[in-house]
Amino acid sequence: TSATIIAIKHKEELLVSPGPYAKISLNDTLYFVGHDESTLQRVQNFFYP
């Protein structure tokens, strides 16, 4: 996706710089950065194929 997840918000907890074993749960909010404008579309396609 060329995106890097920089934080995951789970309920009221913000996990900054999550490692490779961090779990993403339903209703979590992902914060990510990417290389270009198409990164958002690729991330959406990854989670919602």
N, C-alpha and C. Protein backbone atom coordinates (compact mmCIF):
# COMPACT_ATOMS: atom_id res chain seq x y z
N THR A 1 0.82 -1.21 0.00
CA THR A 1 0.00 0.00 0.00
C THR A 1 0.85 1.26 0.00
N SER A 2 2.10 1.15 0.32
CA SER A 2 3.05 2.26 0.49
C SER A 2 2.68 3.15 1.66
N ALA A 3 1.85 2.65 2.56
CA ALA A 3 1.45 3.41 3.75
C ALA A 3 2.18 2.88 4.97
N THR A 4 2.45 3.77 5.91
CA THR A 4 3.03 3.40 7.19
C THR A 4 2.07 3.81 8.29
N ILE A 5 1.61 2.85 9.08
CA ILE A 5 0.71 3.16 10.18
C ILE A 5 1.53 3.80 11.29
N ILE A 6 1.14 5.01 11.68
CA ILE A 6 1.89 5.72 12.72
C ILE A 6 1.19 5.68 14.06
N ALA A 7 -0.12 5.34 14.07
CA ALA A 7 -0.85 5.24 15.34
C ALA A 7 -2.15 4.48 15.11
N ILE A 8 -2.63 3.85 16.18
CA ILE A 8 -3.92 3.18 16.18
C ILE A 8 -4.68 3.68 17.41
N LYS A 9 -5.89 4.18 17.19
CA LYS A 9 -6.72 4.60 18.31
C LYS A 9 -7.75 3.50 18.55
N HIS A 10 -7.71 2.93 19.76
CA HIS A 10 -8.63 1.87 20.16
C HIS A 10 -9.41 2.38 21.37
N LYS A 11 -10.69 2.63 21.17
CA LYS A 11 -11.54 3.26 22.19
C LYS A 11 -10.92 4.58 22.58
N GLU A 12 -10.46 4.74 23.80
CA GLU A 12 -9.85 6.01 24.24
C GLU A 12 -8.32 5.93 24.30
N GLU A 13 -7.75 4.81 23.90
CA GLU A 13 -6.30 4.61 23.98
C GLU A 13 -5.66 4.86 22.62
N LEU A 14 -4.58 5.62 22.60
CA LEU A 14 -3.84 5.90 21.38
C LEU A 14 -2.50 5.18 21.46
N LEU A 15 -2.29 4.23 20.56
CA LEU A 15 -1.04 3.49 20.49
C LEU A 15 -0.19 4.12 19.39
N VAL A 16 0.84 4.85 19.78
CA VAL A 16 1.70 5.54 18.83
C VAL A 16 2.84 4.62 18.42
N SER A 17 3.15 4.63 17.14
CA SER A 17 4.23 3.81 16.58
C SER A 17 4.03 2.33 16.91
N PRO A 18 2.88 1.77 16.47
CA PRO A 18 2.61 0.37 16.77
C PRO A 18 3.61 -0.55 16.07
N GLY A 19 3.96 -1.61 16.72
CA GLY A 19 4.89 -2.57 16.15
C GLY A 19 4.20 -3.52 15.19
N PRO A 20 4.95 -4.47 14.65
CA PRO A 20 4.40 -5.39 13.65
C PRO A 20 3.37 -6.36 14.21
N TYR A 21 3.29 -6.49 15.52
CA TYR A 21 2.35 -7.43 16.12
C TYR A 21 1.12 -6.74 16.70
N ALA A 22 0.98 -5.45 16.46
CA ALA A 22 -0.20 -4.71 16.94
C ALA A 22 -1.44 -5.25 16.24
N LYS A 23 -2.52 -5.35 16.98
CA LYS A 23 -3.77 -5.85 16.42
C LYS A 23 -4.70 -4.69 16.11
N ILE A 24 -5.38 -4.80 14.98
CA ILE A 24 -6.37 -3.81 14.58
C ILE A 24 -7.74 -4.43 14.81
N SER A 25 -8.57 -3.73 15.57
CA SER A 25 -9.91 -4.22 15.90
C SER A 25 -10.97 -3.40 15.19
N LEU A 26 -12.17 -3.96 15.13
CA LEU A 26 -13.30 -3.27 14.55
C LEU A 26 -13.50 -1.93 15.26
N ASN A 27 -13.75 -0.89 14.51
CA ASN A 27 -13.97 0.48 15.00
C ASN A 27 -12.70 1.19 15.46
N ASP A 28 -11.53 0.60 15.29
CA ASP A 28 -10.29 1.32 15.56
C ASP A 28 -10.10 2.39 14.48
N THR A 29 -9.36 3.42 14.82
CA THR A 29 -9.00 4.46 13.86
C THR A 29 -7.52 4.33 13.57
N LEU A 30 -7.18 4.27 12.28
CA LEU A 30 -5.78 4.17 11.87
C LEU A 30 -5.28 5.53 11.41
N TYR A 31 -4.09 5.87 11.84
CA TYR A 31 -3.41 7.07 11.37
C TYR A 31 -2.21 6.60 10.57
N PHE A 32 -2.10 7.06 9.33
CA PHE A 32 -1.01 6.59 8.49
C PHE A 32 -0.49 7.72 7.60
N VAL A 33 0.71 7.52 7.11
CA VAL A 33 1.31 8.43 6.14
C VAL A 33 1.64 7.62 4.91
N GLY A 34 1.71 8.31 3.77
CA GLY A 34 2.02 7.63 2.52
C GLY A 34 2.89 8.48 1.63
N HIS A 35 3.25 7.90 0.50
CA HIS A 35 4.18 8.54 -0.42
C HIS A 35 3.50 9.47 -1.43
N ASP A 36 2.26 9.20 -1.73
CA ASP A 36 1.59 10.02 -2.74
C ASP A 36 0.09 10.04 -2.49
N GLU A 37 -0.63 10.73 -3.35
CA GLU A 37 -2.07 10.91 -3.16
C GLU A 37 -2.87 9.62 -3.33
N SER A 38 -2.32 8.63 -3.98
CA SER A 38 -3.06 7.38 -4.20
C SER A 38 -2.96 6.42 -3.01
N THR A 39 -2.20 6.78 -1.99
CA THR A 39 -2.05 5.91 -0.82
C THR A 39 -3.39 5.62 -0.15
N LEU A 40 -4.22 6.64 0.01
CA LEU A 40 -5.53 6.45 0.65
C LEU A 40 -6.34 5.40 -0.09
N GLN A 41 -6.37 5.46 -1.41
CA GLN A 41 -7.13 4.50 -2.19
C GLN A 41 -6.59 3.08 -2.00
N ARG A 42 -5.28 2.93 -1.97
CA ARG A 42 -4.69 1.60 -1.78
C ARG A 42 -4.98 1.06 -0.39
N VAL A 43 -4.96 1.90 0.63
CA VAL A 43 -5.30 1.46 1.99
C VAL A 43 -6.76 1.03 2.05
N GLN A 44 -7.65 1.80 1.45
CA GLN A 44 -9.07 1.42 1.42
C GLN A 44 -9.26 0.10 0.70
N ASN A 45 -8.57 -0.11 -0.40
CA ASN A 45 -8.68 -1.37 -1.14
C ASN A 45 -8.12 -2.54 -0.33
N PHE A 46 -7.12 -2.30 0.50
CA PHE A 46 -6.56 -3.36 1.33
C PHE A 46 -7.56 -3.82 2.38
N PHE A 47 -8.23 -2.88 3.03
CA PHE A 47 -9.17 -3.23 4.10
C PHE A 47 -10.56 -3.58 3.58
N TYR A 48 -10.92 -3.05 2.44
CA TYR A 48 -12.25 -3.30 1.86
C TYR A 48 -12.08 -3.72 0.40
N PRO A 49 -11.62 -4.96 0.16
CA PRO A 49 -11.35 -5.40 -1.22
C PRO A 49 -12.60 -5.50 -2.08
